[in-house]
PDB file of N, CA and C in Angstrom:
ATOM      1  N   MET A   1     -17.675 -11.933  -3.847  1.00  0.00           N
ATOM      2  CA  MET A   1     -16.570 -12.185  -2.939  1.00  0.00           C
ATOM      3  C   MET A   1     -15.668 -13.301  -3.126  1.00  0.00           C
ATOM      4  N   GLU A   2     -14.536 -13.313  -2.710  1.00  0.00           N
ATOM      5  CA  GLU A   2     -13.517 -14.317  -3.003  1.00  0.00           C
ATOM      6  C   GLU A   2     -12.785 -14.716  -1.837  1.00  0.00           C
ATOM      7  N   ALA A   3     -12.503 -16.061  -1.739  1.00  0.00           N
ATOM      8  CA  ALA A   3     -11.799 -16.559  -0.524  1.00  0.00           C
ATOM      9  C   ALA A   3     -10.439 -16.948  -1.058  1.00  0.00           C
ATOM     10  N   LYS A   4      -9.326 -16.570  -0.350  1.00  0.00           N
ATOM     11  CA  LYS A   4      -7.937 -16.822  -0.785  1.00  0.00           C
ATOM     12  C   LYS A   4      -7.423 -18.184  -0.020  1.00  0.00           C
ATOM     13  N   SER A   5      -6.292 -18.546  -0.265  1.00  0.00           N
ATOM     14  CA  SER A   5      -5.738 -19.813   0.340  1.00  0.00           C
ATOM     15  C   SER A   5      -5.428 -19.743   1.862  1.00  0.00           C
ATOM     16  N   ALA A   6      -5.437 -18.496   2.456  1.00  0.00           N
ATOM     17  CA  ALA A   6      -5.337 -18.407   3.933  1.00  0.00           C
ATOM     18  C   ALA A   6      -6.685 -18.304   4.670  1.00  0.00           C
ATOM     19  N   MET A   7      -7.634 -18.777   3.831  1.00  0.00           N
ATOM     20  CA  MET A   7      -9.120 -18.912   4.240  1.00  0.00           C
ATOM     21  C   MET A   7      -9.704 -17.579   4.910  1.00  0.00           C
ATOM     22  N   GLU A   8      -9.242 -16.403   4.413  1.00  0.00           N
ATOM     23  CA  GLU A   8      -9.709 -15.102   4.782  1.00  0.00           C
ATOM     24  C   GLU A   8     -10.577 -14.780   3.489  1.00  0.00           C
ATOM     25  N   VAL A   9     -11.558 -13.911   3.872  1.00  0.00           N
ATOM     26  CA  VAL A   9     -12.567 -13.547   2.750  1.00  0.00           C
ATOM     27  C   VAL A   9     -12.186 -12.031   2.402  1.00  0.00           C
ATOM     28  N   ILE A  10     -12.024 -11.849   1.160  1.00  0.00           N
ATOM     29  CA  ILE A  10     -11.802 -10.500   0.662  1.00  0.00           C
ATOM     30  C   ILE A  10     -13.142  -9.904   0.168  1.00  0.00           C
ATOM     31  N   VAL A  11     -13.213  -8.734   0.792  1.00  0.00           N
ATOM     32  CA  VAL A  11     -14.612  -8.019   0.310  1.00  0.00           C
ATOM     33  C   VAL A  11     -14.255  -7.116  -0.748  1.00  0.00           C
ATOM     34  N   ALA A  12     -14.607  -7.368  -1.888  1.00  0.00           N
ATOM     35  CA  ALA A  12     -14.400  -6.634  -3.209  1.00  0.00           C
ATOM     36  C   ALA A  12     -15.475  -5.565  -3.397  1.00  0.00           C
ATOM     37  N   ASN A  13     -15.246  -4.431  -3.491  1.00  0.00           N
ATOM     38  CA  ASN A  13     -16.133  -3.285  -3.562  1.00  0.00           C
ATOM     39  C   ASN A  13     -15.759  -2.380  -4.835  1.00  0.00           C
ATOM     40  N   PRO A  14     -15.908  -2.908  -6.085  1.00  0.00           N
ATOM     41  CA  PRO A  14     -15.521  -1.927  -7.283  1.00  0.00           C
ATOM     42  C   PRO A  14     -16.442  -0.842  -7.425  1.00  0.00           C
ATOM     43  N   THR A  15     -16.034   0.224  -7.823  1.00  0.00           N
ATOM     44  CA  THR A  15     -16.783   1.453  -8.009  1.00  0.00           C
ATOM     45  C   THR A  15     -16.495   2.111  -9.366  1.00  0.00           C
ATOM     46  N   ALA A  16     -16.226   1.277 -10.324  1.00  0.00           N
ATOM     47  CA  ALA A  16     -15.827   1.743 -11.718  1.00  0.00           C
ATOM     48  C   ALA A  16     -14.659   2.436 -11.797  1.00  0.00           C
ATOM     49  N   GLY A  17     -14.538   3.623 -12.060  1.00  0.00           N
ATOM     50  CA  GLY A  17     -13.493   4.458 -12.072  1.00  0.00           C
ATOM     51  C   GLY A  17     -12.924   5.275 -10.677  1.00  0.00           C
ATOM     52  N   SER A  18     -13.728   4.950  -9.671  1.00  0.00           N
ATOM     53  CA  SER A  18     -13.384   5.586  -8.507  1.00  0.00           C
ATOM     54  C   SER A  18     -13.140   4.525  -7.245  1.00  0.00           C
ATOM     55  N   CYS A  19     -12.209   3.753  -7.569  1.00  0.00           N
ATOM     56  CA  CYS A  19     -12.086   2.257  -6.705  1.00  0.00           C
ATOM     57  C   CYS A  19     -11.795   2.782  -5.139  1.00  0.00           C
ATOM     58  N   GLY A  20     -11.065   4.081  -5.014  1.00  0.00           N
ATOM     59  CA  GLY A  20     -10.815   4.326  -3.688  1.00  0.00           C
ATOM     60  C   GLY A  20     -11.716   5.179  -2.867  1.00  0.00           C
ATOM     61  N   THR A  21     -12.943   5.465  -3.370  1.00  0.00           N
ATOM     62  CA  THR A  21     -13.901   6.408  -2.860  1.00  0.00           C
ATOM     63  C   THR A  21     -14.375   5.907  -1.677  1.00  0.00           C
ATOM     64  N   ILE A  22     -15.064   4.695  -1.702  1.00  0.00           N
ATOM     65  CA  ILE A  22     -15.607   4.125  -0.641  1.00  0.00           C
ATOM     66  C   ILE A  22     -14.811   3.947   0.652  1.00  0.00           C
ATOM     67  N   GLY A  23     -13.667   3.354   0.446  1.00  0.00           N
ATOM     68  CA  GLY A  23     -12.624   3.227   1.455  1.00  0.00           C
ATOM     69  C   GLY A  23     -12.044   4.617   2.043  1.00  0.00           C
ATOM     70  N   GLY A  24     -12.005   5.603   1.309  1.00  0.00           N
ATOM     71  CA  GLY A  24     -11.574   6.866   1.712  1.00  0.00           C
ATOM     72  C   GLY A  24     -12.631   7.445   2.448  1.00  0.00           C
ATOM     73  N   ALA A  25     -13.850   7.368   1.992  1.00  0.00           N
ATOM     74  CA  ALA A  25     -14.856   8.124   2.805  1.00  0.00           C
ATOM     75  C   ALA A  25     -15.300   7.286   3.988  1.00  0.00           C
ATOM     76  N   LEU A  26     -15.290   6.134   3.990  1.00  0.00           N
ATOM     77  CA  LEU A  26     -15.520   5.373   5.266  1.00  0.00           C
ATOM     78  C   LEU A  26     -14.385   5.692   6.397  1.00  0.00           C
ATOM     79  N   LYS A  27     -13.121   5.684   6.055  1.00  0.00           N
ATOM     80  CA  LYS A  27     -11.972   6.060   6.857  1.00  0.00           C
ATOM     81  C   LYS A  27     -12.284   7.368   7.346  1.00  0.00           C
ATOM     82  N   GLY A  28     -12.546   8.382   6.643  1.00  0.00           N
ATOM     83  CA  GLY A  28     -12.759   9.767   6.836  1.00  0.00           C
ATOM     84  C   GLY A  28     -13.838   9.933   7.809  1.00  0.00           C
ATOM     85  N   VAL A  29     -14.969   9.385   7.594  1.00  0.00           N
ATOM     86  CA  VAL A  29     -16.145   9.410   8.562  1.00  0.00           C
ATOM     87  C   VAL A  29     -15.793   8.767   9.747  1.00  0.00           C
ATOM     88  N   ALA A  30     -15.092   7.699   9.802  1.00  0.00           N
ATOM     89  CA  ALA A  30     -14.721   6.905  11.045  1.00  0.00           C
ATOM     90  C   ALA A  30     -13.888   7.997  11.923  1.00  0.00           C
ATOM     91  N   ASP A  31     -13.063   8.577  11.325  1.00  0.00           N
ATOM     92  CA  ASP A  31     -12.106   9.514  12.013  1.00  0.00           C
ATOM     93  C   ASP A  31     -12.888  10.610  12.608  1.00  0.00           C
ATOM     94  N   ASP A  32     -13.678  11.274  12.019  1.00  0.00           N
ATOM     95  CA  ASP A  32     -14.552  12.362  12.361  1.00  0.00           C
ATOM     96  C   ASP A  32     -15.367  11.788  13.515  1.00  0.00           C
ATOM     97  N   LEU A  33     -16.030  10.588  13.510  1.00  0.00           N
ATOM     98  CA  LEU A  33     -16.883  10.025  14.595  1.00  0.00           C
ATOM     99  C   LEU A  33     -16.040   9.384  15.768  1.00  0.00           C
ATOM    100  N   ASN A  34     -14.656   9.368  15.572  1.00  0.00           N
ATOM    101  CA  ASN A  34     -13.911   8.586  16.531  1.00  0.00           C
ATOM    102  C   ASN A  34     -14.308   7.212  16.691  1.00  0.00           C
ATOM    103  N   SER A  35     -14.574   6.486  15.697  1.00  0.00           N
ATOM    104  CA  SER A  35     -15.022   5.255  15.654  1.00  0.00           C
ATOM    105  C   SER A  35     -13.889   4.363  15.877  1.00  0.00           C
ATOM    106  N   THR A  36     -14.162   3.152  16.472  1.00  0.00           N
ATOM    107  CA  THR A  36     -13.103   2.104  16.598  1.00  0.00           C
ATOM    108  C   THR A  36     -12.869   1.373  15.349  1.00  0.00           C
ATOM    109  N   SER A  37     -11.837   0.707  15.353  1.00  0.00           N
ATOM    110  CA  SER A  37     -11.354  -0.014  14.116  1.00  0.00           C
ATOM    111  C   SER A  37     -12.205  -1.142  13.947  1.00  0.00           C
ATOM    112  N   ASP A  38     -12.962  -1.764  14.945  1.00  0.00           N
ATOM    113  CA  ASP A  38     -13.995  -2.807  14.802  1.00  0.00           C
ATOM    114  C   ASP A  38     -15.179  -2.333  14.010  1.00  0.00           C
ATOM    115  N   GLU A  39     -15.622  -1.104  14.494  1.00  0.00           N
ATOM    116  CA  GLU A  39     -16.758  -0.460  13.929  1.00  0.00           C
ATOM    117  C   GLU A  39     -16.609  -0.120  12.424  1.00  0.00           C
ATOM    118  N   LEU A  40     -15.101   0.256  11.979  1.00  0.00           N
ATOM    119  CA  LEU A  40     -14.823   0.599  10.791  1.00  0.00           C
ATOM    120  C   LEU A  40     -14.742  -0.636   9.910  1.00  0.00           C
ATOM    121  N   VAL A  41     -14.454  -1.935  10.408  1.00  0.00           N
ATOM    122  CA  VAL A  41     -14.332  -3.023   9.742  1.00  0.00           C
ATOM    123  C   VAL A  41     -15.755  -3.602   9.362  1.00  0.00           C
ATOM    124  N   LYS A  42     -16.749  -3.284  10.239  1.00  0.00           N
ATOM    125  CA  LYS A  42     -18.247  -3.621  10.134  1.00  0.00           C
ATOM    126  C   LYS A  42     -18.585  -2.633   8.984  1.00  0.00           C
ATOM    127  N   ALA A  43     -18.367  -1.601   8.907  1.00  0.00           N
ATOM    128  CA  ALA A  43     -18.805  -0.651   7.717  1.00  0.00           C
ATOM    129  C   ALA A  43     -18.177  -1.038   6.539  1.00  0.00           C
ATOM    130  N   TYR A  44     -16.820  -1.557   6.484  1.00  0.00           N
ATOM    131  CA  TYR A  44     -16.530  -2.012   5.213  1.00  0.00           C
ATOM    132  C   TYR A  44     -17.331  -3.332   4.685  1.00  0.00           C
ATOM    133  N   PHE A  45     -17.478  -4.205   5.727  1.00  0.00           N
ATOM    134  CA  PHE A  45     -18.312  -5.412   5.392  1.00  0.00           C
ATOM    135  C   PHE A  45     -19.668  -5.110   4.869  1.00  0.00           C
ATOM    136  N   ALA A  46     -20.381  -4.047   5.484  1.00  0.00           N
ATOM    137  CA  ALA A  46     -21.833  -3.635   5.102  1.00  0.00           C
ATOM    138  C   ALA A  46     -21.603  -3.111   3.695  1.00  0.00           C
ATOM    139  N   SER A  47     -20.461  -2.313   3.248  1.00  0.00           N
ATOM    140  CA  SER A  47     -20.576  -1.638   2.034  1.00  0.00           C
ATOM    141  C   SER A  47     -20.311  -2.866   1.041  1.00  0.00           C
ATOM    142  N   GLY A  48     -19.447  -3.871   1.357  1.00  0.00           N
ATOM    143  CA  GLY A  48     -19.311  -5.156   0.364  1.00  0.00           C
ATOM    144  C   GLY A  48     -20.683  -5.861   0.205  1.00  0.00           C
ATOM    145  N   ILE A  49     -21.392  -6.045   1.295  1.00  0.00           N
ATOM    146  CA  ILE A  49     -22.701  -6.766   1.174  1.00  0.00           C
ATOM    147  C   ILE A  49     -23.613  -6.039   0.236  1.00  0.00           C
ATOM    148  N   ILE A  50     -23.690  -4.716   0.274  1.00  0.00           N
ATOM    149  CA  ILE A  50     -24.470  -3.964  -0.606  1.00  0.00           C
ATOM    150  C   ILE A  50     -23.928  -4.106  -2.034  1.00  0.00           C
ATOM    151  N   GLY A  51     -22.618  -4.070  -2.163  1.00  0.00           N
ATOM    152  CA  GLY A  51     -22.173  -4.328  -3.422  1.00  0.00           C
ATOM    153  C   GLY A  51     -22.447  -5.627  -4.135  1.00  0.00           C
ATOM    154  N   VAL A  52     -22.336  -6.622  -3.186  1.00  0.00           N
ATOM    155  CA  VAL A  52     -22.741  -8.089  -3.522  1.00  0.00           C
ATOM    156  C   VAL A  52     -24.322  -8.201  -4.137  1.00  0.00           C
ATOM    157  N   TYR A  53     -25.152  -7.553  -3.358  1.00  0.00           N
ATOM    158  CA  TYR A  53     -26.547  -7.403  -3.711  1.00  0.00           C
ATOM    159  C   TYR A  53     -26.719  -6.813  -4.977  1.00  0.00           C
ATOM    160  N   PHE A  54     -26.140  -5.731  -5.288  1.00  0.00           N
ATOM    161  CA  PHE A  54     -26.358  -5.210  -6.622  1.00  0.00           C
ATOM    162  C   PHE A  54     -25.684  -5.553  -7.754  1.00  0.00           C
ATOM    163  N   ALA A  55     -24.491  -6.461  -7.545  1.00  0.00           N
ATOM    164  CA  ALA A  55     -23.648  -6.875  -8.568  1.00  0.00           C
ATOM    165  C   ALA A  55     -24.291  -8.092  -9.334  1.00  0.00           C
TER     166      ALA A  55
END
């Protein structure tokens, strides 16, 4: 993970050649489940933490 000058944390989730797959999949599932934006953000953070664990 990386922190920028605005003191915000950027969750990087590289997936080799398919860098948009996780973001698109999470957004699509969130739309189907009528999830709130807060729930979607938590899902992005969860996927980022999984990426940090395996990286």
